[in-house]
Protein backbone atom coordinates (compact mmCIF):
# COMPACT_ATOMS: atom_id res chain seq x y z
CA UNK A 1 80.94 -20.68 47.83
CA UNK A 2 83.75 -18.96 46.01
CA UNK A 3 84.00 -17.00 42.82
CA UNK A 4 82.74 -19.04 39.87
CA UNK A 5 84.01 -19.09 36.30
CA UNK A 6 81.56 -19.73 33.46
CA UNK A 7 82.45 -22.50 31.03
CA UNK A 8 81.02 -23.97 27.83
CA UNK A 9 77.57 -25.57 27.91
CA UNK A 10 77.85 -29.34 27.22
CA UNK A 11 74.83 -29.01 24.94
CA UNK A 12 77.23 -27.59 22.35
CA UNK A 13 80.73 -28.75 23.41
CA UNK A 14 82.55 -31.06 25.82
CA UNK A 15 83.32 -29.86 29.31
CA UNK A 16 86.91 -28.88 30.14
CA UNK A 17 89.09 -30.78 32.60
CA UNK A 18 88.44 -30.03 36.25
CA UNK A 19 91.17 -27.67 37.53
CA UNK A 20 93.64 -28.99 40.10
CA UNK A 21 93.31 -27.91 43.76
CA UNK A 22 94.92 -24.59 44.60
CA UNK A 23 96.44 -23.21 47.75
CA UNK A 24 94.88 -19.92 48.86
CA UNK A 25 96.95 -19.35 51.95
CA UNK A 26 99.01 -21.34 54.41
CA UNK A 27 97.03 -24.44 55.30
CA UNK A 28 94.02 -23.47 53.15
CA UNK A 29 93.27 -25.36 49.93
CA UNK A 30 90.33 -24.99 47.54
CA UNK A 31 88.98 -27.84 45.41
CA UNK A 32 87.34 -27.32 42.01
CA UNK A 33 84.20 -28.92 40.60
CA UNK A 34 82.15 -28.57 37.45
CA UNK A 35 78.68 -27.40 38.46
CA UNK A 36 75.41 -26.82 36.60
CA UNK A 37 74.14 -23.61 38.15
CA UNK A 38 70.41 -22.86 37.92
CA UNK A 39 69.09 -19.67 39.51
CA UNK A 40 65.47 -18.58 39.80
CA UNK A 41 63.78 -15.50 41.18
CA UNK A 42 60.08 -15.41 42.07
CA UNK A 43 59.48 -18.54 40.06
CA UNK A 44 61.30 -17.38 36.92
CA UNK A 45 64.60 -18.68 35.58
CA UNK A 46 67.17 -15.88 35.69
CA UNK A 47 70.34 -17.81 34.90
CA UNK A 48 71.22 -21.30 33.75
CA UNK A 49 74.84 -22.07 33.03
CA UNK A 50 77.80 -24.32 33.63
CA UNK A 51 80.58 -23.07 35.87
CA UNK A 52 83.71 -24.07 37.75
CA UNK A 53 82.96 -23.78 41.45
CA UNK A 54 85.48 -23.94 44.30
CA UNK A 55 84.94 -25.73 47.63
CA UNK A 56 86.76 -25.99 50.93
CA UNK A 57 85.91 -29.70 51.15
CA UNK A 58 87.46 -32.19 48.72
CA UNK A 59 84.69 -34.79 49.09
CA UNK A 60 81.93 -32.25 48.45
CA UNK A 61 83.74 -30.97 45.36
CA UNK A 62 84.22 -34.50 44.04
CA UNK A 63 80.52 -35.31 44.53
CA UNK A 64 79.33 -32.15 42.75
CA UNK A 65 81.80 -32.71 39.91
CA UNK A 66 80.70 -36.33 39.42
CA UNK A 67 77.00 -35.38 39.32
CA UNK A 68 77.63 -32.59 36.80
CA UNK A 69 79.69 -34.85 34.54
CA UNK A 70 77.01 -37.52 34.68
CA UNK A 71 74.47 -34.92 33.51
CA UNK A 72 76.91 -33.76 30.84
CA UNK A 73 77.23 -37.32 29.51
CA UNK A 74 73.50 -37.22 28.71
CA UNK A 75 73.99 -33.99 26.78
CA UNK A 76 76.95 -35.44 24.89
CA UNK A 77 74.78 -38.41 23.89
CA UNK A 78 72.00 -36.08 22.74
CA UNK A 79 74.45 -34.18 20.54
CA UNK A 80 75.76 -37.40 19.04
CA UNK A 81 72.27 -38.73 18.27
CA UNK A 82 71.20 -35.48 16.61
CA UNK A 83 74.41 -35.27 14.58
CA UNK A 84 74.15 -38.85 13.34
CA UNK A 85 70.52 -38.42 12.28
CA UNK A 86 71.12 -35.17 10.40
CA UNK A 87 74.67 -35.61 9.10
CA UNK A 88 73.64 -35.41 5.42
CA UNK A 89 71.12 -32.61 5.80
CA UNK A 90 71.80 -29.21 4.22
CA UNK A 91 69.96 -25.89 4.64
CA UNK A 92 66.89 -25.55 2.40
CA UNK A 93 64.55 -22.77 1.35
CA UNK A 94 61.40 -22.35 3.40
CA UNK A 95 58.20 -23.73 1.81
CA UNK A 96 56.35 -20.51 2.72
CA UNK A 97 57.06 -17.08 1.23
CA UNK A 98 58.78 -14.82 3.74
CA UNK A 99 57.07 -11.43 4.20
CA UNK A 100 59.10 -8.31 3.49
CA UNK A 101 58.40 -4.94 5.03
CA UNK A 102 57.54 -2.45 2.31
CA UNK A 103 58.59 0.89 3.72
CA UNK A 104 56.79 3.94 2.30
CA UNK A 105 58.81 6.43 0.29
CA UNK A 106 60.02 8.98 2.84
CA UNK A 107 63.00 10.06 0.82
CA UNK A 108 64.25 13.65 0.81
CA UNK A 109 63.16 13.97 -2.80
CA UNK A 110 59.55 13.03 -2.06
CA UNK A 111 59.28 15.17 1.05
CA UNK A 112 60.73 18.20 -0.67
CA UNK A 113 58.36 17.66 -3.57
CA UNK A 114 55.49 17.61 -1.06
CA UNK A 115 56.87 20.88 0.31
CA UNK A 116 56.69 22.45 -3.16
CA UNK A 117 60.31 22.26 -4.30
CA UNK A 118 61.28 21.01 -7.74
CA UNK A 119 64.37 18.88 -8.30
CA UNK A 120 66.30 21.78 -9.85
CA UNK A 121 65.89 23.85 -6.67
CA UNK A 122 67.88 21.58 -4.33
CA UNK A 123 70.44 18.84 -4.08
CA UNK A 124 71.43 16.44 -1.29
CA UNK A 125 75.12 16.56 -0.35
CA UNK A 126 76.17 13.03 0.54
CA UNK A 127 79.62 14.27 1.55
CA UNK A 128 78.43 16.84 4.12
CA UNK A 129 76.71 16.34 7.45
CA UNK A 130 75.84 20.01 7.89
CA UNK A 131 77.39 23.45 7.51
CA UNK A 132 78.76 25.95 9.98
CA UNK A 133 78.33 29.71 9.82
CA UNK A 134 80.82 32.13 11.34
CA UNK A 135 78.85 35.30 11.83
CA UNK A 136 78.98 37.42 8.68
CA UNK A 137 81.84 35.46 7.13
CA UNK A 138 79.48 33.07 5.36
CA UNK A 139 79.65 29.29 5.65
CA UNK A 140 82.45 26.80 5.94
CA UNK A 141 82.22 23.21 4.79
CA UNK A 142 83.49 21.10 7.75
CA UNK A 143 85.46 18.94 5.31
CA UNK A 144 87.40 21.94 4.01
CA UNK A 145 89.95 24.13 5.78
CA UNK A 146 90.65 24.67 9.44
CA UNK A 147 88.26 25.94 12.05
CA UNK A 148 88.78 29.56 13.09
CA UNK A 149 89.59 29.65 16.80
CA UNK A 150 87.42 31.74 19.08
CA UNK A 151 84.42 31.70 16.75
CA UNK A 152 80.87 30.88 17.80
CA UNK A 153 79.59 28.46 15.15
CA UNK A 154 76.00 27.52 14.45
CA UNK A 155 75.08 24.30 12.67
CA UNK A 156 72.80 24.47 9.66
CA UNK A 157 71.14 21.50 8.00
CA UNK A 158 70.38 23.28 4.72
CA UNK A 159 72.34 25.98 2.92
CA UNK A 160 71.45 28.10 -0.08
CA UNK A 161 74.55 28.48 -2.22
CA UNK A 162 75.55 31.39 -4.42
CA UNK A 163 73.65 29.89 -7.34
CA UNK A 164 70.42 29.98 -5.34
CA UNK A 165 70.24 26.18 -5.03
CA UNK A 166 69.48 24.64 -1.67
CA UNK A 167 72.08 22.15 -0.46
CA UNK A 168 70.91 19.71 2.22
CA UNK A 169 73.37 17.86 4.46
CA UNK A 170 72.95 14.20 5.30
CA UNK A 171 72.25 14.99 8.98
CA UNK A 172 69.02 16.64 7.93
CA UNK A 173 67.95 13.66 5.82
CA UNK A 174 69.30 10.64 7.60
CA UNK A 175 66.76 9.76 10.27
CA UNK A 176 63.31 10.89 9.39
CA UNK A 177 63.67 11.06 5.61
CA UNK A 178 64.55 7.39 5.47
CA UNK A 179 61.41 6.45 7.37
CA UNK A 180 63.25 5.69 10.63
CA UNK A 181 62.24 7.19 13.97
CA UNK A 182 59.36 9.06 12.39
CA UNK A 183 57.90 9.68 15.81
CA UNK A 184 61.31 10.23 17.33
CA UNK A 185 61.96 13.76 18.51
CA UNK A 186 65.38 14.00 16.89
CA UNK A 187 64.41 12.57 13.51
CA UNK A 188 61.44 14.86 13.02
CA UNK A 189 63.30 17.83 14.49
CA UNK A 190 65.99 17.49 11.83
CA UNK A 191 63.49 17.33 8.98
CA UNK A 192 61.45 20.15 10.50
CA UNK A 193 64.56 22.34 10.73
CA UNK A 194 65.37 21.67 7.08
CA UNK A 195 61.92 22.72 5.96
CA UNK A 196 61.94 25.77 8.24
CA UNK A 197 65.31 26.87 6.90
CA UNK A 198 64.00 26.44 3.37
CA UNK A 199 60.93 28.58 4.11
CA UNK A 200 58.33 25.78 4.05
CA UNK A 201 57.13 26.00 7.64
CA UNK A 202 53.48 26.07 6.59
CA UNK A 203 53.79 22.60 5.00
CA UNK A 204 55.36 20.86 7.98
CA UNK A 205 52.26 19.63 9.82
CA UNK A 206 50.54 18.39 6.68
CA UNK A 207 53.62 16.48 5.55
CA UNK A 208 54.12 14.97 9.00
CA UNK A 209 50.50 13.76 9.15
CA UNK A 210 50.78 12.12 5.73
CA UNK A 211 54.06 10.39 6.60
CA UNK A 212 52.75 9.10 9.91
CA UNK A 213 49.61 7.71 8.28
CA UNK A 214 51.69 5.98 5.61
CA UNK A 215 54.01 4.47 8.17
CA UNK A 216 51.14 3.19 10.31
CA UNK A 217 49.51 1.58 7.29
CA UNK A 218 52.80 -0.02 6.20
CA UNK A 219 53.29 -1.44 9.69
CA UNK A 220 49.72 -2.77 9.84
CA UNK A 221 50.08 -4.40 6.40
CA UNK A 222 53.35 -6.02 7.44
CA UNK A 223 51.89 -7.35 10.69
CA UNK A 224 49.10 -8.94 8.66
CA UNK A 225 51.64 -10.54 6.31
CA UNK A 226 53.64 -11.87 9.25
CA UNK A 227 50.47 -13.25 10.82
CA UNK A 228 49.71 -15.12 7.61
CA UNK A 229 53.29 -16.38 7.41
CA UNK A 230 53.12 -17.70 10.97
CA UNK A 231 49.78 -19.43 10.43
CA UNK A 232 50.98 -21.12 7.22
CA UNK A 233 54.27 -22.38 8.59
CA UNK A 234 52.81 -23.58 11.90
CA UNK A 235 50.55 -26.14 10.21
CA UNK A 236 53.40 -27.78 8.30
CA UNK A 237 54.42 -31.18 9.78
CA UNK A 238 58.08 -30.18 10.11
CA UNK A 239 57.27 -27.20 12.32
CA UNK A 240 56.77 -29.26 15.48
CA UNK A 241 60.18 -30.86 14.87
CA UNK A 242 61.99 -27.51 14.96
CA UNK A 243 63.90 -26.63 18.15
CA UNK A 244 61.38 -25.41 20.71
CA UNK A 245 63.17 -22.08 21.02
CA UNK A 246 62.63 -21.35 17.32
CA UNK A 247 59.00 -22.43 17.54
CA UNK A 248 58.56 -19.95 20.37
CA UNK A 249 60.14 -17.14 18.36
CA UNK A 250 57.95 -17.81 15.33
CA UNK A 251 54.75 -18.12 17.35
CA UNK A 252 55.25 -15.16 19.69
CA UNK A 253 58.25 -12.99 18.83
CA UNK A 254 57.49 -12.64 15.11
CA UNK A 255 54.28 -10.73 15.59
CA UNK A 256 54.47 -6.96 15.54
CA UNK A 257 58.14 -6.57 14.62
CA UNK A 258 59.46 -5.05 11.39
CA UNK A 259 62.62 -7.04 10.93
CA UNK A 260 62.14 -10.80 11.16
CA UNK A 261 65.30 -11.55 9.16
CA UNK A 262 67.17 -13.04 12.15
CA UNK A 263 64.30 -15.41 12.92
CA UNK A 264 63.99 -16.35 9.25
CA UNK A 265 67.73 -17.06 9.14
CA UNK A 266 67.35 -19.50 12.05
CA UNK A 267 64.32 -21.08 10.40
CA UNK A 268 66.19 -21.64 7.13
CA UNK A 269 69.16 -23.13 8.95
CA UNK A 270 66.97 -25.61 10.87
CA UNK A 271 64.19 -26.41 8.43
CA UNK A 272 66.09 -29.14 6.57
CA UNK A 273 66.90 -30.84 9.88
CA UNK A 274 63.29 -30.55 11.00
CA UNK A 275 62.06 -32.18 7.79
CA UNK A 276 64.47 -35.09 8.30
CA UNK A 277 63.36 -35.57 11.91
CA UNK A 278 59.72 -35.32 10.86
CA UNK A 279 60.24 -38.08 8.31
CA UNK A 280 61.93 -40.36 10.87
CA UNK A 281 59.25 -39.59 13.41
CA UNK A 282 56.54 -40.50 10.91
CA UNK A 283 58.26 -43.86 10.41
CA UNK A 284 58.15 -44.48 14.16
CA UNK A 285 61.94 -44.48 14.47
CA UNK A 286 62.37 -41.46 16.74
CA UNK A 287 60.55 -38.85 18.81
CA UNK A 288 61.18 -35.12 18.45
CA UNK A 289 60.68 -32.51 21.19
CA UNK A 290 59.27 -35.17 23.49
CA UNK A 291 58.42 -34.45 27.10
CA UNK A 292 56.17 -32.05 28.98
CA UNK A 293 55.19 -30.87 32.44
CA UNK A 294 56.55 -33.02 35.26
CA UNK A 295 56.02 -33.09 39.01
CA UNK A 296 57.45 -35.50 41.59
CA UNK A 297 56.32 -34.07 44.92
CA UNK A 298 53.36 -34.43 47.23
CA UNK A 299 50.51 -36.84 46.53
CA UNK A 300 48.64 -35.06 43.74
CA UNK A 301 49.33 -34.27 40.11
CA UNK A 302 52.50 -36.35 39.81
CA UNK A 303 54.03 -37.01 36.40
CA UNK A 304 57.47 -37.98 35.15
CA UNK A 305 59.33 -38.83 31.92
CA UNK A 306 62.38 -41.01 31.27
CA UNK A 307 64.64 -41.78 28.31
CA UNK A 308 66.76 -44.91 28.74
CA UNK A 309 69.80 -45.63 26.58
CA UNK A 310 70.69 -49.14 25.34
CA UNK A 311 73.23 -49.55 28.16
CA UNK A 312 70.49 -49.00 30.75
CA UNK A 313 71.58 -45.50 31.74
CA UNK A 314 69.11 -42.66 31.98
CA UNK A 315 69.59 -39.75 29.58
CA UNK A 316 68.66 -36.41 31.10
CA UNK A 317 66.57 -33.97 29.05
CA UNK A 318 68.47 -31.16 27.31
CA UNK A 319 65.71 -28.60 27.85
CA UNK A 320 64.61 -28.32 31.48
CA UNK A 321 62.80 -25.38 33.03
CA UNK A 322 62.35 -25.65 36.78
CA UNK A 323 59.40 -24.13 38.59
CA UNK A 324 60.34 -21.72 41.37
CA UNK A 325 63.45 -22.66 43.34
CA UNK A 326 63.30 -26.45 43.24
CA UNK A 327 63.90 -29.16 40.68
CA UNK A 328 60.98 -31.45 41.51
CA UNK A 329 58.54 -29.61 39.24
CA UNK A 330 58.75 -27.88 35.87
CA UNK A 331 59.05 -28.77 32.20
CA UNK A 332 61.49 -31.09 30.47
CA UNK A 333 61.96 -31.91 26.80
CA UNK A 334 64.30 -34.09 24.76
CA UNK A 335 65.20 -32.64 21.35
CA UNK A 336 65.35 -36.16 19.92
CA UNK A 337 64.71 -39.63 21.32
CA UNK A 338 67.00 -41.87 19.28
CA UNK A 339 66.18 -45.07 17.43
CA UNK A 340 67.85 -47.27 20.05
CA UNK A 341 66.38 -45.45 23.06
CA UNK A 342 63.33 -46.22 25.18
CA UNK A 343 60.98 -43.38 26.19
CA UNK A 344 58.42 -43.92 28.94
CA UNK A 345 56.18 -41.76 31.11
CA UNK A 346 54.17 -42.17 34.29
CA UNK A 347 51.46 -40.14 35.98
CA UNK A 348 49.19 -40.35 39.00
CA UNK A 349 46.61 -37.68 39.78
CA UNK A 350 46.09 -38.58 43.45
CA UNK A 351 46.74 -41.15 46.16
CA UNK A 352 43.63 -43.20 45.39
CA UNK A 353 43.92 -42.86 41.60
CA UNK A 354 45.42 -45.44 39.30
CA UNK A 355 49.00 -45.33 38.03
CA UNK A 356 49.15 -44.41 34.36
CA UNK A 357 52.09 -46.07 32.58
CA UNK A 358 52.78 -45.15 28.96
CA UNK A 359 55.45 -46.49 26.61
CA UNK A 360 55.99 -43.55 24.26
CA UNK A 361 58.79 -45.02 22.15
CA UNK A 362 60.26 -48.51 21.85
CA UNK A 363 63.76 -49.07 20.42
CA UNK A 364 63.62 -49.97 16.74
CA UNK A 365 65.87 -52.99 17.28
CA UNK A 366 64.11 -54.11 20.45
CA UNK A 367 64.69 -53.69 24.19
CA UNK A 368 68.04 -54.56 25.71
CA UNK A 369 68.27 -56.46 29.03
CA UNK A 370 69.76 -53.31 30.57
CA UNK A 371 66.76 -51.22 29.56
CA UNK A 372 64.35 -53.81 30.94
CA UNK A 373 66.29 -53.90 34.23
CA UNK A 374 66.11 -50.09 34.51
CA UNK A 375 62.34 -50.11 33.94
CA UNK A 376 61.89 -52.93 36.46
CA UNK A 377 63.75 -50.93 39.11
CA UNK A 378 61.56 -47.91 38.35
CA UNK A 379 58.41 -49.99 38.80
CA UNK A 380 59.70 -51.25 42.16
CA UNK A 381 60.52 -47.73 43.29
CA UNK A 382 57.10 -46.36 42.32
CA UNK A 383 55.42 -49.29 44.07
CA UNK A 384 57.41 -48.67 47.27
CA UNK A 385 56.83 -44.90 47.15
CA UNK A 386 53.05 -45.35 47.07
CA UNK A 387 52.76 -48.39 49.32
CA UNK A 388 50.30 -47.61 52.11
CA UNK A 389 49.14 -44.30 50.64
CA UNK A 390 45.42 -43.53 50.91
CA UNK A 391 43.15 -40.94 49.42
CA UNK A 392 42.64 -38.04 51.82
CA UNK A 393 38.91 -37.70 51.20
CA UNK A 394 37.93 -41.21 50.16
CA UNK A 395 40.22 -43.21 52.42
CA UNK A 396 40.78 -45.60 49.52
CA UNK A 397 44.25 -47.16 49.24
CA UNK A 398 46.54 -46.44 46.34
CA UNK A 399 46.06 -49.09 43.63
CA UNK A 400 49.01 -51.32 42.85
CA UNK A 401 51.32 -50.61 39.94
CA UNK A 402 49.91 -53.72 38.28
CA UNK A 403 52.04 -54.83 35.37
CA UNK A 404 53.70 -51.42 35.18
CA UNK A 405 54.73 -50.53 31.65
CA UNK A 406 54.02 -54.07 30.51
CA UNK A 407 57.51 -54.69 29.16
CA UNK A 408 59.27 -56.31 32.13
CA UNK A 409 57.06 -59.36 32.71
CA UNK A 410 55.91 -57.94 36.04
CA UNK A 411 52.99 -59.82 37.59
CA UNK A 412 50.05 -57.81 38.86
CA UNK A 413 49.67 -57.79 42.63
CA UNK A 414 46.16 -57.13 43.87
CA UNK A 415 46.15 -54.26 46.32
CA UNK A 416 43.61 -53.60 49.03
CA UNK A 417 40.56 -51.99 47.43
CA UNK A 418 38.09 -51.74 50.33
CA UNK A 419 37.60 -48.71 52.51
CA UNK A 420 38.30 -49.47 56.20
CA UNK A 421 35.41 -49.09 58.63
CA UNK A 422 36.45 -47.24 61.79
CA UNK A 423 34.64 -47.88 65.07
CA UNK A 424 35.48 -44.49 66.54
CA UNK A 425 36.79 -41.16 65.40
CA UNK A 426 40.03 -41.92 67.25
CA UNK A 427 40.68 -44.79 64.83
CA UNK A 428 40.35 -42.58 61.77
CA UNK A 429 43.53 -42.02 59.80
CA UNK A 430 45.25 -38.67 60.07
CA UNK A 431 43.59 -36.09 57.88
CA UNK A 432 40.12 -37.61 58.34
CA UNK A 433 39.54 -36.80 61.97
CA UNK A 434 37.37 -33.72 61.78
CA UNK A 435 33.70 -33.26 62.52
CA UNK A 436 32.54 -32.70 58.95
CA UNK A 437 34.48 -35.67 57.59
CA UNK A 438 33.39 -37.91 60.44
CA UNK A 439 29.74 -37.04 59.83
CA UNK A 440 30.11 -37.79 56.14
CA UNK A 441 31.68 -41.19 56.89
CA UNK A 442 28.85 -42.03 59.33
CA UNK A 443 26.22 -41.26 56.71
CA UNK A 444 28.04 -43.52 54.28
CA UNK A 445 28.08 -46.32 56.86
CA UNK A 446 31.82 -46.27 57.11
CA UNK A 447 32.06 -44.98 60.67
CA UNK A 448 30.09 -46.16 63.71
């Protein structure tokens, strides 16, 4: 594998052209391919992106490129469906009042009043950060004059001018006085220094305790408001038609944070689209955020989902999260299943259990021959995959697929339903031949 260059995700834009082969050195050529790179670590997704990858082998590069572009075609189709359905939708206001954090008044004026100073005893200098003293020479405003070389300055946050009025620089007010970083060492240190310089050291601890209590109460009140906001918006029908990422942010990320403005902005931008999708979904024309947990490995807990386009091609889900380092298990969701698309699912809990076929969405205008042919091939594949399988404990054979999804005209084929009787332990199928299992089969009259 060679150095890879990240490119645009086809969920939002078309893929670029595949670069031409390039010569690295005499007799050595590299071939480019578009590749969907998915990386996991300890079962968690750490990177998922589209890249240009270089290969030594032209055939391998061509194969990878073709597979990636086939996947990208599904994402293009998803974009087109979503755009067509929501072309006339505009952003709307949310139907639930958005909570606003009410910060307590931690202004310089209030704190200085708590410290016993009246408004005619001080003023806040918005144009000065702090002042510098040069020994006995007095103070120098940093915005005036040149600095005297060789001096040893000391920064002051408050200065008492010749009129006896305290002047407070913005550095002393900025952090803590505005209610930010109240527990932060620097914010409180600045405010503490101001009060110490103004001779109000005995008031510092009392003021700090009051401000901290006010801030904690304001935060608790806001968390309660956000909790109510989340509960109200979650029960609205349009909520489940929002992009799953936004649903996740509202449900989990909103709680406990002060500034939810970015999440609210996303909600407002998507709410009109969600209402449109919800309406179409209620009419049975589409599905929104359809899919779930899938597994196609082993003989237990298998489940799979498919979306088939009118031309009989499969459309891959836009939102896929793989479990661990393989793609045979995880979660997959389609943002929208279009009006002309077919959505079906299948599950089977174990070898001896029945196949569960579900038609989740039929095309509004009816099935096309290509869609029926795709489903028929799926039914044949599932039947072949489970032909001859038996339950490990029961020994029962896997039931037939029957009529499958019931939309292809497939005739039910009766599968073997009896449990074989074995004359000796040697004739038992693999996985049964152990003392405990053999004894259990003898008691049941299934083993002589």
